[in-house]
Amino acid sequence: MARKARENFRPLNDALDIIDLGHQAYLPVLELQRALRLQRLQGSVTSDILLLVEHDPVYTLGRGTTSASLPLPLDELRRRGATVEEVERGGDVTWHGPGQLVGYPIIDLSRHREDLHWYLRTVERSLIDALAALEITAGINPGRTGVWTRGRKIASIGIHVKQWVTMHGFALNVDPDLAWFELIVPCGIQGVDMTSIERELGPAPGGSHWDAARAAVSQAFGAAFSRELRTGAPRELGPVASMLNPQGFVPGRSVAPQDLRPDPVRGNASPHG
């Protein structure tokens, strides 16, 4: 009954707003997601949204994180130059940071299909299609959430859904320093080999695969969810955009991945998926 009232309250909008947040710290964007999810539920946000962002180094601990996935103490991860945050998404530990394109869909599944399995598979398919546009053949690994190519993991997915509105999302490795993943057991998968677009294709002729990856992901995501793309910072985001920085949105990249690398390991150290 409550869902029916919500549907009657919110007008139908078939657009997908692609919001490029540029380079941002993790926590302000997490709060932005929560605010937008609430606004989507209340009806003040009437379209689906895909936030795209590149974070400062951060390890996020999903609800399924186990001690076996953290060979180093959390304080040691912080000492290496990353923050550590516990979050409400499903799955295990993962890393976000420079060189990784992170996408946070704020989608009302009641406008699509109220089926979490369908949602996860559709996000995977959008990333597989985006990689195909970049000439990387990718697919799924049965029993594992995420996207893989040649036995290596190139994208991770971890979501949170409440009242059929989504938050959290996916992380596609474009050109990060993959050494950050060596400090954890990514997504709790022992022995996983993490890869990136740059590792698979080699250096981009123009210096970076970033712009091509961002465009491919946007197009593929819109197609997968049958939405018309709109880009920019919609007026409806204004009240919450200020929490990111005093100037609002900072589109594009503002830091190169090589500028933020994990401190070298001193001595031996003994669904996100």
C-alpha atoms as a PDB file:
ATOM      1  CA  MET A   1       0.000   0.000   0.000  1.00  0.00           C
ATOM      2  CA  ALA A   2       2.846   2.369   0.913  1.00  0.00           C
ATOM      3  CA  ARG A   3       4.661   1.541  -2.322  1.00  0.00           C
ATOM      4  CA  LYS A   4       1.520   2.221  -4.366  1.00  0.00           C
ATOM      5  CA  ALA A   5       1.141   5.625  -2.718  1.00  0.00           C
ATOM      6  CA  ARG A   6       4.789   6.379  -3.448  1.00  0.00           C
ATOM      7  CA  GLU A   7       4.342   5.514  -7.115  1.00  0.00           C
ATOM      8  CA  ASN A   8       1.327   7.801  -7.361  1.00  0.00           C
ATOM      9  CA  PHE A   9       3.274  10.612  -5.695  1.00  0.00           C
ATOM     10  CA  ARG A  10       6.354  10.506  -7.910  1.00  0.00           C
ATOM     11  CA  PRO A  11       5.954  11.357 -11.612  1.00  0.00           C
ATOM     12  CA  LEU A  12       7.521   8.972 -14.099  1.00  0.00           C
ATOM     13  CA  ASN A  13      10.834  10.115 -15.561  1.00  0.00           C
ATOM     14  CA  ASP A  14      12.714   7.934 -18.046  1.00  0.00           C
ATOM     15  CA  ALA A  15      16.004   9.846 -17.826  1.00  0.00           C
ATOM     16  CA  LEU A  16      19.276   8.728 -16.265  1.00  0.00           C
ATOM     17  CA  ASP A  17      21.239  11.675 -14.908  1.00  0.00           C
ATOM     18  CA  ILE A  18      24.992  11.074 -15.190  1.00  0.00           C
ATOM     19  CA  ILE A  19      26.693  13.190 -12.522  1.00  0.00           C
ATOM     20  CA  ASP A  20      30.485  13.409 -12.738  1.00  0.00           C
ATOM     21  CA  LEU A  21      31.722  14.293  -9.257  1.00  0.00           C
ATOM     22  CA  GLY A  22      35.373  14.323 -10.266  1.00  0.00           C
ATOM     23  CA  HIS A  23      37.827  13.465  -7.479  1.00  0.00           C
ATOM     24  CA  GLN A  24      36.240  13.359  -4.026  1.00  0.00           C
ATOM     25  CA  ALA A  25      36.860  11.911  -0.586  1.00  0.00           C
ATOM     26  CA  TYR A  26      34.725   8.869   0.240  1.00  0.00           C
ATOM     27  CA  LEU A  27      32.556   9.977   3.167  1.00  0.00           C
ATOM     28  CA  PRO A  28      31.029  13.118   1.609  1.00  0.00           C
ATOM     29  CA  VAL A  29      29.940  11.066  -1.397  1.00  0.00           C
ATOM     30  CA  LEU A  30      28.501   8.392   0.885  1.00  0.00           C
ATOM     31  CA  GLU A  31      26.409  11.065   2.602  1.00  0.00           C
ATOM     32  CA  LEU A  32      25.386  12.398  -0.809  1.00  0.00           C
ATOM     33  CA  GLN A  33      24.148   8.944  -1.799  1.00  0.00           C
ATOM     34  CA  ARG A  34      22.112   8.644   1.378  1.00  0.00           C
ATOM     35  CA  ALA A  35      20.576  12.079   0.849  1.00  0.00           C
ATOM     36  CA  LEU A  36      19.692  11.339  -2.776  1.00  0.00           C
ATOM     37  CA  ARG A  37      18.229   7.944  -1.908  1.00  0.00           C
ATOM     38  CA  LEU A  38      15.964   9.639   0.641  1.00  0.00           C
ATOM     39  CA  GLN A  39      14.975  12.320  -1.873  1.00  0.00           C
ATOM     40  CA  ARG A  40      14.199   9.608  -4.436  1.00  0.00           C
ATOM     41  CA  LEU A  41      11.941   7.894  -1.916  1.00  0.00           C
ATOM     42  CA  GLN A  42      10.227  11.162  -1.019  1.00  0.00           C
ATOM     43  CA  GLY A  43       9.718  12.082  -4.670  1.00  0.00           C
ATOM     44  CA  SER A  44      11.771  15.286  -4.824  1.00  0.00           C
ATOM     45  CA  VAL A  45      14.233  13.478  -7.108  1.00  0.00           C
ATOM     46  CA  THR A  46      12.257  12.108 -10.036  1.00  0.00           C
ATOM     47  CA  SER A  47      14.908  10.487 -12.249  1.00  0.00           C
ATOM     48  CA  ASP A  48      17.418   7.701 -11.884  1.00  0.00           C
ATOM     49  CA  ILE A  49      20.944   8.928 -11.154  1.00  0.00           C
ATOM     50  CA  LEU A  50      24.409   7.524 -11.752  1.00  0.00           C
ATOM     51  CA  LEU A  51      27.119   9.252  -9.734  1.00  0.00           C
ATOM     52  CA  LEU A  52      30.608   8.779 -11.194  1.00  0.00           C
ATOM     53  CA  VAL A  53      33.602   9.539  -9.000  1.00  0.00           C
ATOM     54  CA  GLU A  54      37.274   8.865  -8.355  1.00  0.00           C
ATOM     55  CA  HIS A  55      38.096   8.590  -4.657  1.00  0.00           C
ATOM     56  CA  ASP A  56      41.052   9.205  -2.430  1.00  0.00           C
ATOM     57  CA  PRO A  57      42.482   5.845  -1.240  1.00  0.00           C
ATOM     58  CA  VAL A  58      39.958   4.094   1.014  1.00  0.00           C
ATOM     59  CA  TYR A  59      39.254   0.544   2.127  1.00  0.00           C
ATOM     60  CA  THR A  60      35.547  -0.074   2.640  1.00  0.00           C
ATOM     61  CA  LEU A  61      34.330  -2.919   4.828  1.00  0.00           C
ATOM     62  CA  GLY A  62      30.968  -4.366   3.787  1.00  0.00           C
ATOM     63  CA  ARG A  63      28.678  -6.298   6.085  1.00  0.00           C
ATOM     64  CA  GLY A  64      30.290  -9.585   5.040  1.00  0.00           C
ATOM     65  CA  THR A  65      33.891  -8.609   5.848  1.00  0.00           C
ATOM     66  CA  THR A  66      35.791 -11.262   7.809  1.00  0.00           C
ATOM     67  CA  SER A  67      39.112 -11.150   9.628  1.00  0.00           C
ATOM     68  CA  ALA A  68      40.547 -13.513   7.008  1.00  0.00           C
ATOM     69  CA  SER A  69      40.165 -10.726   4.438  1.00  0.00           C
ATOM     70  CA  LEU A  70      42.294  -8.324   6.495  1.00  0.00           C
ATOM     71  CA  PRO A  71      45.845  -9.686   6.813  1.00  0.00           C
ATOM     72  CA  LEU A  72      46.983  -6.290   8.100  1.00  0.00           C
ATOM     73  CA  PRO A  73      45.526  -4.427  11.095  1.00  0.00           C
ATOM     74  CA  LEU A  74      43.240  -1.532  10.163  1.00  0.00           C
ATOM     75  CA  ASP A  75      45.661   0.951  11.716  1.00  0.00           C
ATOM     76  CA  GLU A  76      48.374  -0.377   9.410  1.00  0.00           C
ATOM     77  CA  LEU A  77      46.166   0.205   6.366  1.00  0.00           C
ATOM     78  CA  ARG A  78      45.669   3.768   7.563  1.00  0.00           C
ATOM     79  CA  ARG A  79      49.411   4.178   8.055  1.00  0.00           C
ATOM     80  CA  ARG A  80      49.950   3.121   4.441  1.00  0.00           C
ATOM     81  CA  GLY A  81      47.924   6.140   3.320  1.00  0.00           C
ATOM     82  CA  ALA A  82      44.290   4.995   3.097  1.00  0.00           C
ATOM     83  CA  THR A  83      41.224   5.647   5.188  1.00  0.00           C
ATOM     84  CA  VAL A  84      39.083   2.728   6.390  1.00  0.00           C
ATOM     85  CA  GLU A  85      35.294   2.861   6.531  1.00  0.00           C
ATOM     86  CA  GLU A  86      32.587   0.393   7.583  1.00  0.00           C
ATOM     87  CA  VAL A  87      29.556   0.667   5.312  1.00  0.00           C
ATOM     88  CA  GLU A  88      26.083  -0.810   4.895  1.00  0.00           C
ATOM     89  CA  ARG A  89      26.602  -2.466   1.521  1.00  0.00           C
ATOM     90  CA  GLY A  90      26.800  -6.213   1.129  1.00  0.00           C
ATOM     91  CA  GLY A  91      30.012  -8.099   0.561  1.00  0.00           C
ATOM     92  CA  ASP A  92      33.538  -8.058   1.904  1.00  0.00           C
ATOM     93  CA  VAL A  93      36.427  -5.591   1.915  1.00  0.00           C
ATOM     94  CA  THR A  94      37.522  -3.723  -1.180  1.00  0.00           C
ATOM     95  CA  TRP A  95      39.604  -0.697  -2.149  1.00  0.00           C
ATOM     96  CA  HIS A  96      38.680   2.510  -3.952  1.00  0.00           C
ATOM     97  CA  GLY A  97      41.116   5.155  -5.074  1.00  0.00           C
ATOM     98  CA  PRO A  98      42.860   7.028  -7.876  1.00  0.00           C
ATOM     99  CA  GLY A  99      42.618   5.344 -11.252  1.00  0.00           C
ATOM    100  CA  GLN A 100      39.372   3.565 -10.404  1.00  0.00           C
ATOM    101  CA  LEU A 101      36.031   4.680 -11.842  1.00  0.00           C
ATOM    102  CA  VAL A 102      33.375   4.228  -9.158  1.00  0.00           C
ATOM    103  CA  GLY A 103      29.685   4.361  -9.998  1.00  0.00           C
ATOM    104  CA  TYR A 104      26.867   4.838  -7.507  1.00  0.00           C
ATOM    105  CA  PRO A 105      23.418   4.270  -9.054  1.00  0.00           C
ATOM    106  CA  ILE A 106      20.476   5.819  -7.226  1.00  0.00           C
ATOM    107  CA  ILE A 107      17.769   3.830  -8.981  1.00  0.00           C
ATOM    108  CA  ASP A 108      14.150   3.205  -8.094  1.00  0.00           C
ATOM    109  CA  LEU A 109      13.752  -0.475  -8.930  1.00  0.00           C
ATOM    110  CA  SER A 110       9.978  -0.156  -8.669  1.00  0.00           C
ATOM    111  CA  ARG A 111      10.290   1.659 -12.016  1.00  0.00           C
ATOM    112  CA  HIS A 112      12.230  -1.278 -13.455  1.00  0.00           C
ATOM    113  CA  ARG A 113      11.953  -4.650 -11.744  1.00  0.00           C
ATOM    114  CA  GLU A 114      11.778  -5.428  -8.031  1.00  0.00           C
ATOM    115  CA  ASP A 115      14.397  -8.159  -8.243  1.00  0.00           C
ATOM    116  CA  LEU A 116      17.868  -7.836  -6.702  1.00  0.00           C
ATOM    117  CA  HIS A 117      19.266 -10.695  -8.773  1.00  0.00           C
ATOM    118  CA  TRP A 118      18.076  -8.970 -11.947  1.00  0.00           C
ATOM    119  CA  TYR A 119      19.609  -5.691 -10.774  1.00  0.00           C
ATOM    120  CA  LEU A 120      23.021  -7.215 -10.062  1.00  0.00           C
ATOM    121  CA  ARG A 121      23.079  -9.064 -13.391  1.00  0.00           C
ATOM    122  CA  THR A 122      22.055  -5.871 -15.223  1.00  0.00           C
ATOM    123  CA  VAL A 123      24.881  -3.874 -13.617  1.00  0.00           C
ATOM    124  CA  GLU A 124      27.304  -6.644 -14.563  1.00  0.00           C
ATOM    125  CA  ARG A 125      25.997  -6.665 -18.131  1.00  0.00           C
ATOM    126  CA  SER A 126      26.425  -2.899 -18.421  1.00  0.00           C
ATOM    127  CA  LEU A 127      30.082  -3.186 -17.393  1.00  0.00           C
ATOM    128  CA  ILE A 128      30.682  -6.120 -19.737  1.00  0.00           C
ATOM    129  CA  ASP A 129      29.196  -4.092 -22.604  1.00  0.00           C
ATOM    130  CA  ALA A 130      31.266  -1.036 -21.667  1.00  0.00           C
ATOM    131  CA  LEU A 131      34.446  -3.111 -21.692  1.00  0.00           C
ATOM    132  CA  ALA A 132      33.469  -4.605 -25.057  1.00  0.00           C
ATOM    133  CA  ALA A 133      33.260  -1.065 -26.431  1.00  0.00           C
ATOM    134  CA  LEU A 134      36.866  -0.651 -25.246  1.00  0.00           C
ATOM    135  CA  GLU A 135      37.817  -3.921 -26.984  1.00  0.00           C
ATOM    136  CA  ILE A 136      38.149  -5.960 -23.793  1.00  0.00           C
ATOM    137  CA  THR A 137      36.304  -9.266 -23.728  1.00  0.00           C
ATOM    138  CA  ALA A 138      34.851  -9.716 -20.253  1.00  0.00           C
ATOM    139  CA  GLY A 139      32.239 -11.805 -18.514  1.00  0.00           C
ATOM    140  CA  ILE A 140      31.021 -13.142 -15.208  1.00  0.00           C
ATOM    141  CA  ASN A 141      32.549 -15.760 -12.943  1.00  0.00           C
ATOM    142  CA  PRO A 142      29.771 -18.157 -11.888  1.00  0.00           C
ATOM    143  CA  GLY A 143      29.163 -17.901  -8.168  1.00  0.00           C
ATOM    144  CA  ARG A 144      31.043 -14.596  -7.910  1.00  0.00           C
ATOM    145  CA  THR A 145      29.561 -11.127  -8.283  1.00  0.00           C
ATOM    146  CA  GLY A 146      31.611  -8.779 -10.442  1.00  0.00           C
ATOM    147  CA  VAL A 147      33.216  -8.705 -13.877  1.00  0.00           C
ATOM    148  CA  TRP A 148      36.234 -10.701 -15.016  1.00  0.00           C
ATOM    149  CA  THR A 149      38.503 -10.907 -18.038  1.00  0.00           C
ATOM    150  CA  ARG A 150      40.890 -13.763 -18.811  1.00  0.00           C
ATOM    151  CA  GLY A 151      40.516 -15.057 -15.267  1.00  0.00           C
ATOM    152  CA  ARG A 152      41.326 -11.700 -13.695  1.00  0.00           C
ATOM    153  CA  LYS A 153      38.907  -9.422 -11.885  1.00  0.00           C
ATOM    154  CA  ILE A 154      38.466  -5.982 -13.413  1.00  0.00           C
ATOM    155  CA  ALA A 155      35.297  -4.692 -11.714  1.00  0.00           C
ATOM    156  CA  SER A 156      33.632  -5.191  -8.330  1.00  0.00           C
ATOM    157  CA  ILE A 157      30.011  -4.688  -7.327  1.00  0.00           C
ATOM    158  CA  GLY A 158      28.507  -4.126  -3.877  1.00  0.00           C
ATOM    159  CA  ILE A 159      25.039  -2.724  -3.322  1.00  0.00           C
ATOM    160  CA  HIS A 160      22.544  -1.637  -0.701  1.00  0.00           C
ATOM    161  CA  VAL A 161      18.813  -1.459  -1.451  1.00  0.00           C
ATOM    162  CA  LYS A 162      16.102  -0.065   0.800  1.00  0.00           C
ATOM    163  CA  GLN A 163      12.454   0.215  -0.235  1.00  0.00           C
ATOM    164  CA  TRP A 164      13.659  -0.707  -3.728  1.00  0.00           C
ATOM    165  CA  VAL A 165      15.922   2.340  -4.098  1.00  0.00           C
ATOM    166  CA  THR A 166      19.589   1.503  -4.619  1.00  0.00           C
ATOM    167  CA  MET A 167      22.873   2.971  -3.420  1.00  0.00           C
ATOM    168  CA  HIS A 168      26.539   1.941  -3.415  1.00  0.00           C
ATOM    169  CA  GLY A 169      27.389   0.280  -6.725  1.00  0.00           C
ATOM    170  CA  PHE A 170      30.405  -0.712  -8.817  1.00  0.00           C
ATOM    171  CA  ALA A 171      34.118  -0.022  -9.163  1.00  0.00           C
ATOM    172  CA  LEU A 172      35.908  -0.405 -12.506  1.00  0.00           C
ATOM    173  CA  ASN A 173      39.701  -0.452 -12.475  1.00  0.00           C
ATOM    174  CA  VAL A 174      40.873   1.914 -15.205  1.00  0.00           C
ATOM    175  CA  ASP A 175      44.508   2.665 -14.394  1.00  0.00           C
ATOM    176  CA  PRO A 176      45.009   2.344 -10.616  1.00  0.00           C
ATOM    177  CA  ASP A 177      48.094   1.194  -8.783  1.00  0.00           C
ATOM    178  CA  LEU A 178      47.019  -2.425  -8.235  1.00  0.00           C
ATOM    179  CA  ALA A 179      49.425  -2.729  -5.291  1.00  0.00           C
ATOM    180  CA  TRP A 180      46.657  -1.321  -3.079  1.00  0.00           C
ATOM    181  CA  PHE A 181      44.770  -4.589  -3.491  1.00  0.00           C
ATOM    182  CA  GLU A 182      47.756  -6.591  -2.232  1.00  0.00           C
ATOM    183  CA  LEU A 183      47.208  -5.259   1.303  1.00  0.00           C
ATOM    184  CA  ILE A 184      43.822  -7.025   1.604  1.00  0.00           C
ATOM    185  CA  VAL A 185      42.009 -10.104   0.299  1.00  0.00           C
ATOM    186  CA  PRO A 186      39.811  -8.273  -2.229  1.00  0.00           C
ATOM    187  CA  CYS A 187      36.133  -9.174  -1.819  1.00  0.00           C
ATOM    188  CA  GLY A 188      37.258 -12.070   0.378  1.00  0.00           C
ATOM    189  CA  ILE A 189      38.492 -14.058  -2.647  1.00  0.00           C
ATOM    190  CA  GLN A 190      41.784 -15.752  -1.792  1.00  0.00           C
ATOM    191  CA  GLY A 191      44.295 -15.645  -4.640  1.00  0.00           C
ATOM    192  CA  VAL A 192      42.245 -13.288  -6.824  1.00  0.00           C
ATOM    193  CA  ASP A 193      44.253 -11.552  -9.557  1.00  0.00           C
ATOM    194  CA  MET A 194      43.081  -7.957  -9.935  1.00  0.00           C
ATOM    195  CA  THR A 195      43.488  -6.245 -13.267  1.00  0.00           C
ATOM    196  CA  SER A 196      42.668  -2.972 -14.985  1.00  0.00           C
ATOM    197  CA  ILE A 197      41.883  -1.546 -18.385  1.00  0.00           C
ATOM    198  CA  GLU A 198      45.449  -0.278 -18.648  1.00  0.00           C
ATOM    199  CA  ARG A 199      46.884  -3.679 -17.741  1.00  0.00           C
ATOM    200  CA  GLU A 200      44.743  -5.373 -20.387  1.00  0.00           C
ATOM    201  CA  LEU A 201      45.217  -2.836 -23.190  1.00  0.00           C
ATOM    202  CA  GLY A 202      48.513  -1.191 -22.344  1.00  0.00           C
ATOM    203  CA  PRO A 203      48.963   2.586 -22.046  1.00  0.00           C
ATOM    204  CA  ALA A 204      46.409   4.685 -23.903  1.00  0.00           C
ATOM    205  CA  PRO A 205      47.681   6.605 -26.940  1.00  0.00           C
ATOM    206  CA  GLY A 206      46.332   9.842 -25.460  1.00  0.00           C
ATOM    207  CA  GLY A 207      47.853   9.159 -22.050  1.00  0.00           C
ATOM    208  CA  SER A 208      44.807   7.761 -20.212  1.00  0.00           C
ATOM    209  CA  HIS A 209      41.875   5.422 -20.742  1.00  0.00           C
ATOM    210  CA  TRP A 210      39.803   7.460 -18.296  1.00  0.00           C
ATOM    211  CA  ASP A 211      37.613   9.521 -20.634  1.00  0.00           C
ATOM    212  CA  ALA A 212      36.902   6.559 -22.918  1.00  0.00           C
ATOM    213  CA  ALA A 213      36.007   4.355 -19.946  1.00  0.00           C
ATOM    214  CA  ARG A 214      33.707   6.957 -18.441  1.00  0.00           C
ATOM    215  CA  ALA A 215      31.889   7.461 -21.755  1.00  0.00           C
ATOM    216  CA  ALA A 216      31.568   3.717 -22.375  1.00  0.00           C
ATOM    217  CA  VAL A 217      30.207   3.047 -18.876  1.00  0.00           C
ATOM    218  CA  SER A 218      27.672   5.883 -19.145  1.00  0.00           C
ATOM    219  CA  GLN A 219      26.362   4.710 -22.506  1.00  0.00           C
ATOM    220  CA  ALA A 220      26.232   1.040 -21.537  1.00  0.00           C
ATOM    221  CA  PHE A 221      24.543   1.739 -18.197  1.00  0.00           C
ATOM    222  CA  GLY A 222      21.860   3.864 -19.818  1.00  0.00           C
ATOM    223  CA  ALA A 223      21.221   1.190 -22.452  1.00  0.00           C
ATOM    224  CA  ALA A 224      21.088  -1.624 -19.893  1.00  0.00           C
ATOM    225  CA  PHE A 225      18.409   0.203 -17.881  1.00  0.00           C
ATOM    226  CA  SER A 226      16.609   1.612 -20.957  1.00  0.00           C
ATOM    227  CA  ARG A 227      17.111   5.212 -19.916  1.00  0.00           C
ATOM    228  CA  GLU A 228      17.921   8.360 -21.887  1.00  0.00           C
ATOM    229  CA  LEU A 229      21.175   9.930 -20.688  1.00  0.00           C
ATOM    230  CA  ARG A 230      21.410  13.437 -19.269  1.00  0.00           C
ATOM    231  CA  THR A 231      24.744  14.824 -18.105  1.00  0.00           C
ATOM    232  CA  GLY A 232      25.705  17.559 -15.685  1.00  0.00           C
ATOM    233  CA  ALA A 233      24.597  18.530 -12.211  1.00  0.00           C
ATOM    234  CA  PRO A 234      20.783  18.739 -12.130  1.00  0.00           C
ATOM    235  CA  ARG A 235      19.168  21.548 -10.170  1.00  0.00           C
ATOM    236  CA  GLU A 236      17.566  18.993  -7.864  1.00  0.00           C
ATOM    237  CA  LEU A 237      21.009  18.044  -6.509  1.00  0.00           C
ATOM    238  CA  GLY A 238      21.851  21.599  -5.476  1.00  0.00           C
ATOM    239  CA  PRO A 239      20.914  21.417  -1.772  1.00  0.00           C
ATOM    240  CA  VAL A 240      23.132  18.385  -1.160  1.00  0.00           C
ATOM    241  CA  ALA A 241      25.955  19.160  -3.584  1.00  0.00           C
ATOM    242  CA  SER A 242      27.490  21.689  -1.189  1.00  0.00           C
ATOM    243  CA  MET A 243      28.533  18.913   1.187  1.00  0.00           C
ATOM    244  CA  LEU A 244      31.190  17.802  -1.314  1.00  0.00           C
ATOM    245  CA  ASN A 245      33.237  21.008  -1.333  1.00  0.00           C
ATOM    246  CA  PRO A 246      32.590  24.762  -1.189  1.00  0.00           C
ATOM    247  CA  GLN A 247      32.630  25.066  -4.985  1.00  0.00           C
ATOM    248  CA  GLY A 248      30.167  22.216  -5.540  1.00  0.00           C
ATOM    249  CA  PHE A 249      30.979  19.647  -8.229  1.00  0.00           C
ATOM    250  CA  VAL A 250      34.481  19.343  -9.643  1.00  0.00           C
ATOM    251  CA  PRO A 251      34.108  17.495 -12.949  1.00  0.00           C
ATOM    252  CA  GLY A 252      36.907  15.422 -14.402  1.00  0.00           C
ATOM    253  CA  ARG A 253      40.081  14.125 -12.831  1.00  0.00           C
ATOM    254  CA  SER A 254      42.072  16.298 -10.452  1.00  0.00           C
ATOM    255  CA  VAL A 255      44.771  13.849  -9.384  1.00  0.00           C
ATOM    256  CA  ALA A 256      46.798  11.268 -11.248  1.00  0.00           C
ATOM    257  CA  PRO A 257      46.804   7.712  -9.829  1.00  0.00           C
ATOM    258  CA  GLN A 258      50.603   7.680  -9.576  1.00  0.00           C
ATOM    259  CA  ASP A 259      50.416  10.638  -7.173  1.00  0.00           C
ATOM    260  CA  LEU A 260      48.840   8.460  -4.468  1.00  0.00           C
ATOM    261  CA  ARG A 261      50.514   5.088  -3.958  1.00  0.00           C
ATOM    262  CA  PRO A 262      50.555   2.813  -0.904  1.00  0.00           C
ATOM    263  CA  ASP A 263      53.588   3.100   1.313  1.00  0.00           C
ATOM    264  CA  PRO A 264      55.879   0.112   0.730  1.00  0.00           C
ATOM    265  CA  VAL A 265      55.356  -2.952   2.893  1.00  0.00           C
ATOM    266  CA  ARG A 266      57.772  -3.076   5.817  1.00  0.00           C
ATOM    267  CA  GLY A 267      58.343  -6.691   6.796  1.00  0.00           C
ATOM    268  CA  ASN A 268      55.943  -9.600   6.226  1.00  0.00           C
ATOM    269  CA  ALA A 269      52.277  -9.523   7.032  1.00  0.00           C
ATOM    270  CA  SER A 270      50.938 -12.766   8.179  1.00  0.00           C
ATOM    271  CA  PRO A 271      27.197  -9.200  -2.183  1.00  0.00           C
ATOM    272  CA  HIS A 272      30.742  -6.832  -2.770  1.00  0.00           C
ATOM    273  CA  GLY A 273      32.394  -9.065  -5.171  1.00  0.00           C
END
